[in-house]
C-alpha cells in the first residue's frame, strides 16, 4: 500500500515546521509588533515544497500552536491568537502558502519569474487577509499603519532572500520534478 506522503516528504515537512517555529522566535523589535522570520520560512517552504506538502506543513504548524505548543511569535500559542486582531495573519498562511506553492510549481517558464510571482501572491494574500482581519478592531487607517507599513519592505527583502535560498536548495536537493 502506497502512503500519501513519502518518508522524504514527511522529513522535509518536519524540517520546515521546525524552521518556521524557530523563525517565530527570531525577532527584530521595531515598535509594538516585532519583525519575525516566521513568514520568511513559510515563504521559503512555499517555494520549495509541492502544494499538498506545503498544505500539510502549514496545517501542522498552525495546529501545533492551536493546541498550545509555543510555536508562534514570542513563544505564544492557543486559540486566542487566532481570534485576536492579528489572527488573520496566521490564518492567511494557509491559502497564501498553498497558492504560492501551486504557482511556483506550475509555472515552469523561468525559475526567477515563477518564484517572484509566487512570492508576490504570498505577500498579497497575507496582507489582504491579515489587514482585513485587523480593520474591525483598529479601523482601516490604523490597520494599514500597524499591519502594513512597518512590514512591507522587510517582507520584500525576506522574499528576495527566500528566492535565493530556494534556488540553492533546489539545485542541491532536487524536489522539483
N, C-alpha and C. Protein backbone atom coordinates (compact mmCIF):
# COMPACT_ATOMS: atom_id res chain seq x y z
N UNK A 1 0.85 -1.18 0.00
CA UNK A 1 0.00 0.00 0.00
C UNK A 1 0.90 1.25 0.00
N UNK A 2 0.63 2.14 -0.91
CA UNK A 2 1.40 3.38 -1.02
C UNK A 2 0.80 4.44 -0.10
N UNK A 3 1.65 5.09 0.68
CA UNK A 3 1.17 6.15 1.57
C UNK A 3 1.04 7.46 0.78
N UNK A 4 0.26 8.37 1.34
CA UNK A 4 0.01 9.64 0.67
C UNK A 4 1.26 10.50 0.60
N UNK A 5 2.11 10.42 1.64
CA UNK A 5 3.37 11.15 1.67
C UNK A 5 4.51 10.16 1.89
N UNK A 6 5.62 10.41 1.21
CA UNK A 6 6.80 9.56 1.40
C UNK A 6 7.54 9.99 2.67
N UNK A 7 8.44 9.15 3.10
CA UNK A 7 9.25 9.48 4.28
C UNK A 7 10.07 10.74 3.99
N UNK A 8 10.56 10.86 2.79
CA UNK A 8 11.33 12.06 2.41
C UNK A 8 10.47 13.32 2.52
N UNK A 9 9.23 13.24 2.03
CA UNK A 9 8.33 14.39 2.10
C UNK A 9 8.00 14.75 3.55
N UNK A 10 7.71 13.75 4.36
CA UNK A 10 7.43 14.00 5.78
C UNK A 10 8.64 14.62 6.46
N UNK A 11 9.82 14.18 6.07
CA UNK A 11 11.05 14.76 6.64
C UNK A 11 11.19 16.23 6.26
N UNK A 12 10.96 16.55 4.98
CA UNK A 12 11.02 17.95 4.55
C UNK A 12 9.99 18.78 5.31
N UNK A 13 8.78 18.27 5.42
CA UNK A 13 7.72 18.98 6.13
C UNK A 13 8.11 19.24 7.58
N UNK A 14 8.64 18.22 8.24
CA UNK A 14 9.04 18.35 9.65
C UNK A 14 10.14 19.39 9.83
N UNK A 15 11.10 19.38 8.93
CA UNK A 15 12.20 20.35 9.00
C UNK A 15 11.65 21.76 8.83
N UNK A 16 10.74 21.95 7.89
CA UNK A 16 10.18 23.29 7.70
C UNK A 16 9.30 23.72 8.86
N UNK A 17 8.56 22.81 9.48
CA UNK A 17 7.80 23.17 10.68
C UNK A 17 8.76 23.66 11.76
N UNK A 18 9.89 22.97 11.90
CA UNK A 18 10.89 23.39 12.89
C UNK A 18 11.48 24.75 12.54
N UNK A 19 11.80 24.98 11.26
CA UNK A 19 12.33 26.28 10.83
C UNK A 19 11.32 27.40 11.06
N UNK A 20 10.06 27.15 10.71
CA UNK A 20 9.02 28.16 10.91
C UNK A 20 8.90 28.51 12.38
N UNK A 21 8.92 27.48 13.22
CA UNK A 21 8.85 27.71 14.67
C UNK A 21 10.05 28.50 15.15
N UNK A 22 11.24 28.13 14.73
CA UNK A 22 12.44 28.88 15.11
C UNK A 22 12.35 30.32 14.63
N UNK A 23 11.83 30.50 13.42
CA UNK A 23 11.68 31.85 12.86
C UNK A 23 10.74 32.73 13.67
N UNK A 24 9.77 32.11 14.32
CA UNK A 24 8.84 32.87 15.16
C UNK A 24 9.54 33.42 16.40
N UNK A 25 10.64 32.81 16.78
CA UNK A 25 11.40 33.25 17.95
C UNK A 25 12.47 34.29 17.61
N UNK A 26 12.81 34.40 16.33
CA UNK A 26 13.82 35.36 15.90
C UNK A 26 13.09 36.66 15.56
N UNK A 27 13.28 37.67 16.39
CA UNK A 27 12.53 38.90 16.18
C UNK A 27 13.43 40.12 16.22
N UNK A 28 12.97 41.14 15.53
CA UNK A 28 13.65 42.43 15.47
C UNK A 28 12.63 43.48 15.88
N UNK A 29 12.73 44.00 17.11
CA UNK A 29 11.72 44.95 17.58
C UNK A 29 11.80 46.28 16.82
N UNK A 30 10.65 46.69 16.26
CA UNK A 30 10.60 47.97 15.55
C UNK A 30 9.44 48.82 16.04
N UNK A 31 8.73 48.33 17.00
CA UNK A 31 7.55 49.01 17.51
C UNK A 31 6.71 48.03 18.30
N UNK A 32 5.40 48.22 18.30
CA UNK A 32 4.55 47.34 19.09
C UNK A 32 4.54 45.90 18.59
N UNK A 33 4.78 45.70 17.30
CA UNK A 33 4.82 44.36 16.72
C UNK A 33 6.20 44.17 16.09
N UNK A 34 6.96 43.18 16.56
CA UNK A 34 8.31 42.98 16.01
C UNK A 34 8.27 42.32 14.64
N UNK A 35 9.35 42.49 13.91
CA UNK A 35 9.53 41.75 12.66
C UNK A 35 10.09 40.39 13.05
N UNK A 36 9.45 39.32 12.58
CA UNK A 36 9.90 37.97 12.86
C UNK A 36 10.23 37.26 11.55
N UNK A 37 10.95 36.17 11.65
CA UNK A 37 11.32 35.41 10.46
C UNK A 37 10.38 34.24 10.19
N UNK A 38 9.30 34.16 10.93
CA UNK A 38 8.29 33.12 10.75
C UNK A 38 7.78 33.11 9.30
N UNK A 39 7.37 34.26 8.79
CA UNK A 39 6.82 34.31 7.43
C UNK A 39 7.91 34.09 6.37
N UNK A 40 9.15 34.41 6.69
CA UNK A 40 10.27 34.12 5.79
C UNK A 40 10.37 32.61 5.55
N UNK A 41 10.31 31.83 6.63
CA UNK A 41 10.42 30.38 6.49
C UNK A 41 9.16 29.77 5.87
N UNK A 42 8.00 30.38 6.12
CA UNK A 42 6.78 29.89 5.46
C UNK A 42 6.88 30.13 3.96
N UNK A 43 7.35 31.29 3.57
CA UNK A 43 7.51 31.58 2.14
C UNK A 43 8.57 30.67 1.53
N UNK A 44 9.68 30.47 2.22
CA UNK A 44 10.72 29.57 1.70
C UNK A 44 10.15 28.16 1.50
N UNK A 45 9.39 27.68 2.47
CA UNK A 45 8.75 26.37 2.33
C UNK A 45 7.78 26.36 1.15
N UNK A 46 7.06 27.46 0.97
CA UNK A 46 6.10 27.56 -0.14
C UNK A 46 6.79 27.48 -1.49
N UNK A 47 7.99 28.02 -1.58
CA UNK A 47 8.74 27.96 -2.83
C UNK A 47 9.34 26.58 -3.05
N UNK A 48 9.74 25.94 -1.99
CA UNK A 48 10.49 24.68 -2.06
C UNK A 48 9.60 23.45 -2.15
N UNK A 49 8.50 23.43 -1.42
CA UNK A 49 7.66 22.24 -1.32
C UNK A 49 6.55 22.23 -2.37
N UNK A 50 6.10 21.04 -2.70
CA UNK A 50 4.93 20.87 -3.57
C UNK A 50 3.69 21.34 -2.80
N UNK A 51 2.63 21.75 -3.50
CA UNK A 51 1.45 22.33 -2.83
C UNK A 51 0.82 21.46 -1.74
N UNK A 52 0.64 20.16 -2.00
CA UNK A 52 -0.01 19.33 -0.98
C UNK A 52 0.88 19.16 0.24
N UNK A 53 2.19 19.12 0.04
CA UNK A 53 3.11 19.03 1.17
C UNK A 53 3.19 20.35 1.92
N UNK A 54 3.09 21.45 1.19
CA UNK A 54 3.06 22.77 1.83
C UNK A 54 1.82 22.90 2.69
N UNK A 55 0.70 22.44 2.19
CA UNK A 55 -0.55 22.48 2.96
C UNK A 55 -0.41 21.67 4.24
N UNK A 56 0.16 20.49 4.15
CA UNK A 56 0.40 19.68 5.35
C UNK A 56 1.30 20.42 6.33
N UNK A 57 2.37 21.00 5.83
CA UNK A 57 3.35 21.69 6.68
C UNK A 57 2.71 22.84 7.44
N UNK A 58 1.96 23.69 6.76
CA UNK A 58 1.39 24.87 7.42
C UNK A 58 0.27 24.47 8.37
N UNK A 59 -0.50 23.44 8.02
CA UNK A 59 -1.56 22.99 8.92
C UNK A 59 -0.97 22.37 10.18
N UNK A 60 0.09 21.59 10.06
CA UNK A 60 0.75 21.03 11.24
C UNK A 60 1.28 22.15 12.13
N UNK A 61 1.91 23.14 11.53
CA UNK A 61 2.45 24.27 12.30
C UNK A 61 1.33 25.01 13.04
N UNK A 62 0.28 25.38 12.33
CA UNK A 62 -0.82 26.12 12.96
C UNK A 62 -1.55 25.28 14.00
N UNK A 63 -1.73 23.99 13.73
CA UNK A 63 -2.38 23.11 14.70
C UNK A 63 -1.55 23.00 15.97
N UNK A 64 -0.23 22.92 15.82
CA UNK A 64 0.65 22.86 17.00
C UNK A 64 0.44 24.09 17.88
N UNK A 65 0.34 25.26 17.27
CA UNK A 65 0.09 26.48 18.03
C UNK A 65 -1.31 26.50 18.62
N UNK A 66 -2.26 26.00 17.87
CA UNK A 66 -3.65 25.98 18.34
C UNK A 66 -3.82 25.13 19.59
N UNK A 67 -3.13 24.00 19.65
CA UNK A 67 -3.28 23.11 20.80
C UNK A 67 -2.38 23.48 21.98
N UNK A 68 -1.61 24.55 21.83
CA UNK A 68 -0.85 25.05 22.98
C UNK A 68 0.65 24.93 22.92
N UNK A 69 1.20 24.40 21.85
CA UNK A 69 2.66 24.38 21.75
C UNK A 69 3.15 25.78 21.42
N UNK A 70 4.23 26.22 22.06
CA UNK A 70 4.69 27.61 21.90
C UNK A 70 5.43 27.86 20.59
N UNK A 71 4.69 27.85 19.48
CA UNK A 71 5.31 27.97 18.17
C UNK A 71 5.12 29.32 17.49
N UNK A 72 4.26 30.16 18.06
CA UNK A 72 4.00 31.46 17.45
C UNK A 72 4.99 32.50 17.96
N UNK A 73 4.95 33.67 17.37
CA UNK A 73 5.86 34.76 17.70
C UNK A 73 5.99 34.93 19.21
N UNK A 74 7.22 34.96 19.68
CA UNK A 74 7.48 35.16 21.10
C UNK A 74 7.13 33.96 21.96
N UNK A 75 6.96 32.78 21.37
CA UNK A 75 6.64 31.59 22.14
C UNK A 75 5.19 31.49 22.57
N UNK A 76 4.33 32.21 21.89
CA UNK A 76 2.91 32.20 22.24
C UNK A 76 2.20 31.03 21.56
N UNK A 77 0.98 30.77 22.04
CA UNK A 77 0.18 29.70 21.46
C UNK A 77 -1.27 29.86 21.89
N UNK A 78 -2.11 28.99 21.37
CA UNK A 78 -3.50 28.95 21.80
C UNK A 78 -4.46 29.60 20.82
N UNK A 79 -5.74 29.28 21.02
CA UNK A 79 -6.80 29.75 20.15
C UNK A 79 -6.94 31.27 20.18
N UNK A 80 -6.55 31.90 21.30
CA UNK A 80 -6.69 33.35 21.43
C UNK A 80 -5.92 34.10 20.33
N UNK A 81 -4.84 33.52 19.86
CA UNK A 81 -4.05 34.18 18.82
C UNK A 81 -4.71 34.11 17.44
N UNK A 82 -5.60 33.15 17.26
CA UNK A 82 -6.37 33.09 16.02
C UNK A 82 -7.54 34.05 16.05
N UNK A 83 -8.04 34.33 17.25
CA UNK A 83 -9.22 35.17 17.39
C UNK A 83 -8.88 36.65 17.58
N UNK A 84 -7.64 36.95 17.93
CA UNK A 84 -7.24 38.33 18.18
C UNK A 84 -7.07 39.12 16.90
N UNK A 85 -6.68 40.39 17.03
CA UNK A 85 -6.59 41.27 15.86
C UNK A 85 -5.56 40.85 14.82
N UNK A 86 -4.54 40.09 15.22
CA UNK A 86 -3.55 39.64 14.24
C UNK A 86 -3.77 38.19 13.82
N UNK A 87 -4.87 37.59 14.24
CA UNK A 87 -5.17 36.21 13.88
C UNK A 87 -5.33 36.00 12.39
N UNK A 88 -5.74 37.03 11.68
CA UNK A 88 -5.89 36.91 10.24
C UNK A 88 -4.57 36.61 9.55
N UNK A 89 -3.47 37.10 10.10
CA UNK A 89 -2.17 36.80 9.51
C UNK A 89 -1.86 35.30 9.64
N UNK A 90 -2.14 34.73 10.82
CA UNK A 90 -1.93 33.29 10.99
C UNK A 90 -2.80 32.49 10.03
N UNK A 91 -4.06 32.83 9.97
CA UNK A 91 -5.00 32.11 9.11
C UNK A 91 -4.62 32.28 7.64
N UNK A 92 -4.12 33.46 7.29
CA UNK A 92 -3.76 33.73 5.89
C UNK A 92 -2.65 32.83 5.39
N UNK A 93 -1.85 32.28 6.30
CA UNK A 93 -0.74 31.44 5.87
C UNK A 93 -1.21 30.19 5.13
N UNK A 94 -2.44 29.73 5.41
CA UNK A 94 -2.92 28.53 4.72
C UNK A 94 -3.13 28.81 3.23
N UNK A 95 -4.01 29.77 2.85
CA UNK A 95 -4.16 29.99 1.40
C UNK A 95 -2.92 30.62 0.77
N UNK A 96 -2.22 31.48 1.49
CA UNK A 96 -1.05 32.14 0.90
C UNK A 96 0.03 31.13 0.54
N UNK A 97 0.34 30.23 1.46
CA UNK A 97 1.40 29.26 1.20
C UNK A 97 0.97 28.25 0.13
N UNK A 98 -0.29 27.84 0.17
CA UNK A 98 -0.77 26.87 -0.83
C UNK A 98 -0.72 27.47 -2.23
N UNK A 99 -1.28 28.66 -2.40
CA UNK A 99 -1.33 29.25 -3.74
C UNK A 99 0.06 29.68 -4.23
N UNK A 100 0.93 30.11 -3.32
CA UNK A 100 2.31 30.42 -3.72
C UNK A 100 3.01 29.16 -4.21
N UNK A 101 2.84 28.06 -3.47
CA UNK A 101 3.45 26.80 -3.87
C UNK A 101 2.86 26.29 -5.19
N UNK A 102 1.57 26.42 -5.34
CA UNK A 102 0.91 26.00 -6.57
C UNK A 102 1.45 26.78 -7.76
N UNK A 103 1.58 28.09 -7.62
CA UNK A 103 2.11 28.93 -8.69
C UNK A 103 3.56 28.54 -8.99
N UNK A 104 4.36 28.46 -7.94
CA UNK A 104 5.79 28.16 -8.11
C UNK A 104 6.01 26.82 -8.81
N UNK A 105 5.19 25.85 -8.49
CA UNK A 105 5.38 24.51 -9.04
C UNK A 105 4.71 24.28 -10.39
N UNK A 106 3.87 25.21 -10.82
CA UNK A 106 3.17 25.03 -12.10
C UNK A 106 3.63 25.98 -13.19
N UNK A 107 4.33 27.02 -12.83
CA UNK A 107 4.87 27.95 -13.83
C UNK A 107 6.34 27.58 -14.04
N UNK A 108 6.61 26.94 -15.15
CA UNK A 108 7.95 26.42 -15.41
C UNK A 108 8.75 27.29 -16.38
N UNK A 109 8.21 28.44 -16.74
CA UNK A 109 8.85 29.31 -17.73
C UNK A 109 10.26 29.70 -17.31
N UNK A 110 10.38 30.22 -16.10
CA UNK A 110 11.67 30.71 -15.62
C UNK A 110 11.65 30.64 -14.09
N UNK A 111 12.72 30.12 -13.50
CA UNK A 111 12.77 29.96 -12.05
C UNK A 111 12.50 31.27 -11.32
N UNK A 112 13.18 32.33 -11.72
CA UNK A 112 13.05 33.60 -11.00
C UNK A 112 11.68 34.24 -11.19
N UNK A 113 11.11 34.11 -12.38
CA UNK A 113 9.77 34.66 -12.60
C UNK A 113 8.74 33.89 -11.79
N UNK A 114 8.83 32.56 -11.80
CA UNK A 114 7.86 31.78 -11.03
C UNK A 114 8.03 32.00 -9.53
N UNK A 115 9.26 32.14 -9.08
CA UNK A 115 9.50 32.38 -7.64
C UNK A 115 9.07 33.78 -7.22
N UNK A 116 9.36 34.77 -8.06
CA UNK A 116 8.92 36.14 -7.74
C UNK A 116 7.40 36.24 -7.78
N UNK A 117 6.78 35.60 -8.75
CA UNK A 117 5.32 35.59 -8.83
C UNK A 117 4.70 34.90 -7.62
N UNK A 118 5.27 33.78 -7.22
CA UNK A 118 4.78 33.06 -6.04
C UNK A 118 4.95 33.92 -4.78
N UNK A 119 6.07 34.60 -4.68
CA UNK A 119 6.31 35.48 -3.51
C UNK A 119 5.31 36.62 -3.48
N UNK A 120 5.03 37.19 -4.64
CA UNK A 120 4.05 38.27 -4.75
C UNK A 120 2.67 37.77 -4.31
N UNK A 121 2.28 36.60 -4.80
CA UNK A 121 0.99 36.01 -4.41
C UNK A 121 0.94 35.80 -2.91
N UNK A 122 2.00 35.25 -2.34
CA UNK A 122 2.06 35.01 -0.90
C UNK A 122 1.87 36.31 -0.12
N UNK A 123 2.64 37.32 -0.46
CA UNK A 123 2.60 38.60 0.26
C UNK A 123 1.22 39.25 0.13
N UNK A 124 0.66 39.26 -1.06
CA UNK A 124 -0.66 39.88 -1.27
C UNK A 124 -1.73 39.17 -0.43
N UNK A 125 -1.76 37.85 -0.49
CA UNK A 125 -2.78 37.11 0.28
C UNK A 125 -2.62 37.35 1.77
N UNK A 126 -1.39 37.30 2.26
CA UNK A 126 -1.15 37.52 3.70
C UNK A 126 -1.64 38.90 4.12
N UNK A 127 -1.30 39.92 3.36
CA UNK A 127 -1.70 41.28 3.74
C UNK A 127 -3.19 41.53 3.57
N UNK A 128 -3.79 41.02 2.52
CA UNK A 128 -5.23 41.24 2.32
C UNK A 128 -6.02 40.60 3.47
N UNK A 129 -5.72 39.36 3.79
CA UNK A 129 -6.45 38.69 4.87
C UNK A 129 -6.08 39.27 6.23
N UNK A 130 -4.78 39.45 6.46
CA UNK A 130 -4.33 39.96 7.76
C UNK A 130 -4.85 41.34 8.09
N UNK A 131 -4.77 42.24 7.15
CA UNK A 131 -5.24 43.62 7.39
C UNK A 131 -6.76 43.66 7.46
N UNK A 132 -7.43 42.89 6.62
CA UNK A 132 -8.89 42.83 6.68
C UNK A 132 -9.37 42.36 8.05
N UNK A 133 -8.63 41.45 8.63
CA UNK A 133 -8.95 40.93 9.97
C UNK A 133 -8.74 42.01 11.03
N UNK A 134 -7.78 42.88 10.82
CA UNK A 134 -7.46 43.93 11.79
C UNK A 134 -8.45 45.11 11.74
N UNK A 135 -9.07 45.33 10.61
CA UNK A 135 -9.92 46.52 10.41
C UNK A 135 -11.04 46.64 11.44
N UNK A 136 -11.77 45.58 11.77
CA UNK A 136 -12.84 45.75 12.77
C UNK A 136 -12.32 46.22 14.14
N UNK A 137 -11.09 45.87 14.48
CA UNK A 137 -10.52 46.27 15.77
C UNK A 137 -9.92 47.67 15.72
N UNK A 138 -9.17 47.97 14.68
CA UNK A 138 -8.40 49.21 14.63
C UNK A 138 -8.93 50.26 13.66
N UNK A 139 -9.80 49.87 12.75
CA UNK A 139 -10.19 50.77 11.67
C UNK A 139 -9.19 50.66 10.53
N UNK A 140 -9.59 51.12 9.36
CA UNK A 140 -8.76 50.95 8.16
C UNK A 140 -7.39 51.62 8.28
N UNK A 141 -7.37 52.90 8.66
CA UNK A 141 -6.10 53.64 8.69
C UNK A 141 -5.09 53.05 9.66
N UNK A 142 -5.54 52.70 10.86
CA UNK A 142 -4.63 52.11 11.84
C UNK A 142 -4.21 50.70 11.45
N UNK A 143 -5.12 49.95 10.83
CA UNK A 143 -4.76 48.60 10.37
C UNK A 143 -3.64 48.68 9.33
N UNK A 144 -3.74 49.64 8.43
CA UNK A 144 -2.68 49.84 7.43
C UNK A 144 -1.39 50.31 8.11
N UNK A 145 -1.54 51.26 9.04
CA UNK A 145 -0.37 51.81 9.73
C UNK A 145 0.35 50.76 10.57
N UNK A 146 -0.41 49.90 11.26
CA UNK A 146 0.20 48.90 12.14
C UNK A 146 0.51 47.59 11.43
N UNK A 147 -0.29 47.24 10.42
CA UNK A 147 -0.16 45.93 9.81
C UNK A 147 0.55 45.87 8.48
N UNK A 148 0.75 47.02 7.83
CA UNK A 148 1.37 47.01 6.50
C UNK A 148 2.67 47.81 6.46
N UNK A 149 2.58 49.09 6.77
CA UNK A 149 3.73 49.99 6.56
C UNK A 149 5.03 49.54 7.22
N UNK A 150 5.02 49.10 8.48
CA UNK A 150 6.30 48.71 9.08
C UNK A 150 6.88 47.42 8.50
N UNK A 151 6.06 46.63 7.81
CA UNK A 151 6.49 45.28 7.45
C UNK A 151 6.68 45.03 5.96
N UNK A 152 6.15 45.88 5.10
CA UNK A 152 6.17 45.57 3.67
C UNK A 152 7.58 45.53 3.09
N UNK A 153 8.42 46.48 3.44
CA UNK A 153 9.80 46.47 2.92
C UNK A 153 10.58 45.27 3.47
N UNK A 154 10.55 45.00 4.78
CA UNK A 154 11.22 43.78 5.26
C UNK A 154 10.67 42.51 4.61
N UNK A 155 9.37 42.46 4.34
CA UNK A 155 8.81 41.26 3.70
C UNK A 155 9.29 41.11 2.27
N UNK A 156 9.46 42.20 1.57
CA UNK A 156 10.00 42.13 0.20
C UNK A 156 11.45 41.64 0.25
N UNK A 157 12.22 42.12 1.22
CA UNK A 157 13.60 41.64 1.38
C UNK A 157 13.64 40.17 1.77
N UNK A 158 12.72 39.75 2.63
CA UNK A 158 12.64 38.32 3.00
C UNK A 158 12.26 37.48 1.79
N UNK A 159 11.41 38.01 0.94
CA UNK A 159 11.03 37.28 -0.28
C UNK A 159 12.24 37.09 -1.19
N UNK A 160 13.03 38.15 -1.35
CA UNK A 160 14.23 38.05 -2.19
C UNK A 160 15.21 37.01 -1.61
N UNK A 161 15.38 37.02 -0.31
CA UNK A 161 16.26 36.04 0.33
C UNK A 161 15.70 34.62 0.16
N UNK A 162 14.39 34.48 0.27
CA UNK A 162 13.76 33.16 0.09
C UNK A 162 14.00 32.62 -1.31
N UNK A 163 13.90 33.49 -2.28
CA UNK A 163 14.13 33.06 -3.67
C UNK A 163 15.57 32.59 -3.85
N UNK A 164 16.52 33.35 -3.31
CA UNK A 164 17.93 32.97 -3.44
C UNK A 164 18.21 31.64 -2.73
N UNK A 165 17.66 31.47 -1.55
CA UNK A 165 17.89 30.22 -0.81
C UNK A 165 17.20 29.06 -1.51
N UNK A 166 15.99 29.29 -2.01
CA UNK A 166 15.29 28.22 -2.73
C UNK A 166 16.08 27.79 -3.95
N UNK A 167 16.68 28.73 -4.66
CA UNK A 167 17.48 28.39 -5.84
C UNK A 167 18.62 27.46 -5.44
N UNK A 168 19.27 27.77 -4.34
CA UNK A 168 20.38 26.94 -3.86
C UNK A 168 19.87 25.57 -3.42
N UNK A 169 18.79 25.55 -2.63
CA UNK A 169 18.23 24.27 -2.18
C UNK A 169 17.76 23.42 -3.35
N UNK A 170 17.09 24.05 -4.29
CA UNK A 170 16.57 23.31 -5.44
C UNK A 170 17.69 22.72 -6.27
N UNK A 171 18.80 23.40 -6.35
CA UNK A 171 19.94 22.87 -7.10
C UNK A 171 20.63 21.73 -6.35
N UNK A 172 20.62 21.79 -5.03
CA UNK A 172 21.31 20.78 -4.21
C UNK A 172 20.43 19.58 -3.91
N UNK A 173 19.15 19.83 -3.63
CA UNK A 173 18.21 18.77 -3.26
C UNK A 173 17.07 18.83 -4.27
N UNK A 174 17.10 17.97 -5.23
CA UNK A 174 16.11 18.04 -6.31
C UNK A 174 14.75 17.54 -5.83
N UNK A 175 13.83 18.51 -5.60
CA UNK A 175 12.48 18.14 -5.23
C UNK A 175 11.51 18.56 -6.31
N UNK A 176 11.93 19.44 -7.19
CA UNK A 176 11.05 19.90 -8.28
C UNK A 176 11.31 19.01 -9.49
N UNK A 177 10.31 18.27 -9.88
CA UNK A 177 10.45 17.33 -11.00
C UNK A 177 10.64 18.03 -12.31
